[in-house]
Protein backbone atom coordinates (compact mmCIF):
# COMPACT_ATOMS: atom_id res chain seq x y z
CA MET A 1 -10.99 -6.50 2.06
CA SER A 2 -12.31 -9.69 0.71
CA TYR A 3 -12.92 -13.33 1.50
CA ASN A 4 -10.62 -14.38 -1.21
CA LEU A 5 -7.29 -13.42 -2.77
CA LYS A 6 -8.37 -13.18 -6.37
CA ALA A 7 -6.72 -10.77 -8.88
CA GLN A 8 -9.74 -8.49 -8.81
CA LEU A 9 -9.07 -7.57 -5.24
CA VAL A 10 -5.67 -6.20 -5.96
CA ILE A 11 -6.78 -4.58 -9.26
CA ASP A 12 -9.53 -2.77 -7.31
CA ALA A 13 -6.93 -1.60 -4.74
CA MET A 14 -4.59 -0.44 -7.56
CA ASN A 15 -7.49 1.38 -9.17
CA MET A 16 -8.36 3.15 -5.84
CA ALA A 17 -4.66 4.15 -5.32
CA VAL A 18 -4.21 5.45 -8.83
CA ALA A 19 -7.36 7.48 -8.73
CA GLN A 20 -6.48 9.02 -5.38
CA ARG A 21 -2.79 9.56 -5.72
CA ARG A 22 -2.12 9.82 -9.47
CA PRO A 23 1.31 8.37 -9.16
CA ILE A 24 4.22 9.12 -11.47
CA ASP A 25 7.15 6.68 -11.89
CA VAL A 26 5.95 4.33 -9.19
CA ILE A 27 6.94 0.73 -8.26
CA HIS A 28 4.44 -1.69 -6.88
CA HIS A 29 6.36 -4.23 -4.70
CA SER A 30 4.60 -7.48 -3.75
CA ASP A 31 5.19 -11.14 -2.94
CA GLN A 32 4.67 -13.84 -5.50
CA GLY A 33 1.04 -14.41 -4.78
CA SER A 34 -1.17 -15.53 -7.69
CA GLN A 35 -3.20 -12.31 -7.58
CA TYR A 36 -0.02 -10.38 -8.25
CA THR A 37 1.41 -12.76 -10.94
CA SER A 38 -1.90 -12.77 -12.80
CA ILE A 39 -2.10 -11.53 -16.33
CA ALA A 40 -4.91 -9.20 -15.41
CA PHE A 41 -2.90 -7.49 -12.68
CA GLY A 42 0.15 -7.22 -14.95
CA LEU A 43 -1.93 -5.55 -17.63
CA ARG A 44 -3.42 -3.10 -15.16
CA CYS A 45 0.00 -2.14 -13.91
CA LYS A 46 1.08 -1.52 -17.57
CA GLU A 47 -2.00 0.64 -18.16
CA ALA A 48 -1.36 2.65 -15.01
CA ASN A 49 2.37 3.04 -15.67
CA VAL A 50 3.22 1.17 -12.47
CA ARG A 51 6.25 -1.02 -12.45
CA PRO A 52 5.59 -4.31 -10.65
CA SER A 53 8.38 -5.69 -8.57
CA MET A 54 8.35 -9.13 -6.67
CA GLY A 55 10.62 -10.31 -4.04
CA SER A 56 12.23 -13.68 -4.09
CA VAL A 57 10.34 -16.62 -2.51
CA GLY A 58 10.59 -16.68 1.20
CA ASP A 59 12.57 -13.45 1.52
CA ALA A 60 10.77 -11.04 3.85
CA TYR A 61 13.56 -8.46 3.48
CA ASP A 62 12.49 -7.67 -0.05
CA ASN A 63 9.22 -6.38 1.39
CA ALA A 64 10.45 -5.09 4.77
CA MET A 65 8.52 -1.80 4.71
CA CYS A 66 5.26 -3.48 3.83
CA GLU A 67 5.89 -6.18 6.43
CA SER A 68 6.53 -3.37 8.96
CA PHE A 69 3.19 -1.76 8.15
CA PHE A 70 1.27 -4.96 8.58
CA ALA A 71 3.05 -5.68 11.83
CA THR A 72 2.00 -2.16 13.08
CA LEU A 73 -1.56 -2.70 11.88
CA GLU A 74 -1.83 -6.04 13.61
CA CYS A 75 -0.17 -4.86 16.86
CA GLU A 76 -1.85 -1.45 17.19
CA LEU A 77 -5.36 -2.27 15.79
CA LEU A 78 -6.20 -5.89 15.14
CA ASP A 79 -4.74 -7.44 18.33
CA ARG A 80 -6.56 -4.82 20.46
CA ARG A 81 -10.14 -5.28 19.14
CA LYS A 82 -12.72 -7.87 18.10
CA PHE A 83 -15.02 -6.92 15.20
CA LYS A 84 -18.65 -8.06 15.03
CA THR A 85 -18.89 -7.61 11.28
CA LYS A 86 -16.70 -7.31 8.19
CA ALA A 87 -18.01 -3.77 7.71
CA GLU A 88 -16.96 -2.75 11.21
CA ALA A 89 -13.40 -4.22 10.62
CA ARG A 90 -13.26 -2.49 7.20
CA MET A 91 -14.17 0.94 8.74
CA ALA A 92 -11.66 0.40 11.56
CA VAL A 93 -8.79 -0.44 9.15
CA PHE A 94 -9.69 2.53 6.91
CA THR A 95 -9.80 4.86 9.90
CA PHE A 96 -6.48 3.50 11.15
CA ILE A 97 -4.70 3.93 7.82
CA GLU A 98 -6.28 7.21 6.52
CA GLY A 99 -6.95 8.88 9.89
CA TRP A 100 -3.72 8.12 11.65
CA TYR A 101 -1.05 5.98 9.95
CA ASN A 102 -0.70 7.92 6.59
CA PRO A 103 -1.21 11.49 7.92
CA ALA A 104 0.54 11.27 11.38
CA ARG A 105 2.72 8.18 12.03
CA ARG A 106 6.40 9.03 11.50
CA HIS A 107 8.78 6.53 9.94
CA SER A 108 12.55 6.36 10.34
CA ALA A 109 12.82 5.07 6.81
CA LEU A 110 11.13 8.30 5.61
CA GLY A 111 13.28 10.66 7.58
CA TYR A 112 10.79 10.65 10.48
CA LYS A 113 8.06 12.06 8.24
CA SER A 114 4.56 10.62 7.91
CA PRO A 115 3.84 8.99 4.66
CA ILE A 116 1.62 11.85 3.42
CA THR A 117 4.25 14.45 4.35
CA PHE A 118 7.01 12.38 2.64
CA GLU A 119 4.84 11.94 -0.46
CA ARG A 120 4.07 15.68 -0.69
CA LYS A 121 7.68 16.58 -0.35
CA HIS A 122 8.68 14.13 -2.89
CA CYS A 123 6.04 15.35 -5.41
CA GLN A 124 7.17 18.94 -4.87
CA MET A 125 10.73 17.98 -5.49
CA LEU A 126 9.79 16.20 -8.75
CA GLU A 127 7.72 19.24 -9.73
CA ALA A 128 10.69 21.57 -9.11
CA GLN A 129 12.97 19.35 -11.14
CA SER A 130 10.61 19.32 -14.09
CA HIS A 131 10.58 23.18 -14.29
């Protein structure tokens, strides 16, 4: 969370994701915002072996799963609460994502599995294929 949309914000988010998940052969899909088209973000993707992918201008379908997530976040959390401070909002968003959305919310696009369950099964499949 930040008051600006500078490249460092998405680089920090990428660093957090890479440190926590240690992804292999992953694609980072985004819109064409300046933070994603920056040289610094492109270099970080290269260092992390993350393939950047950008949708075409004005095409929400390229980013449908992400758009769906943000619609859920807005409808199920943000529209239902007012936050007194940025810290309170940050904690509520973190709790929503890490405490409910990732471990428990089932998705039709993931075979009605939660994101964490889907990720674990995918990693197990990749591991089995490599042996």
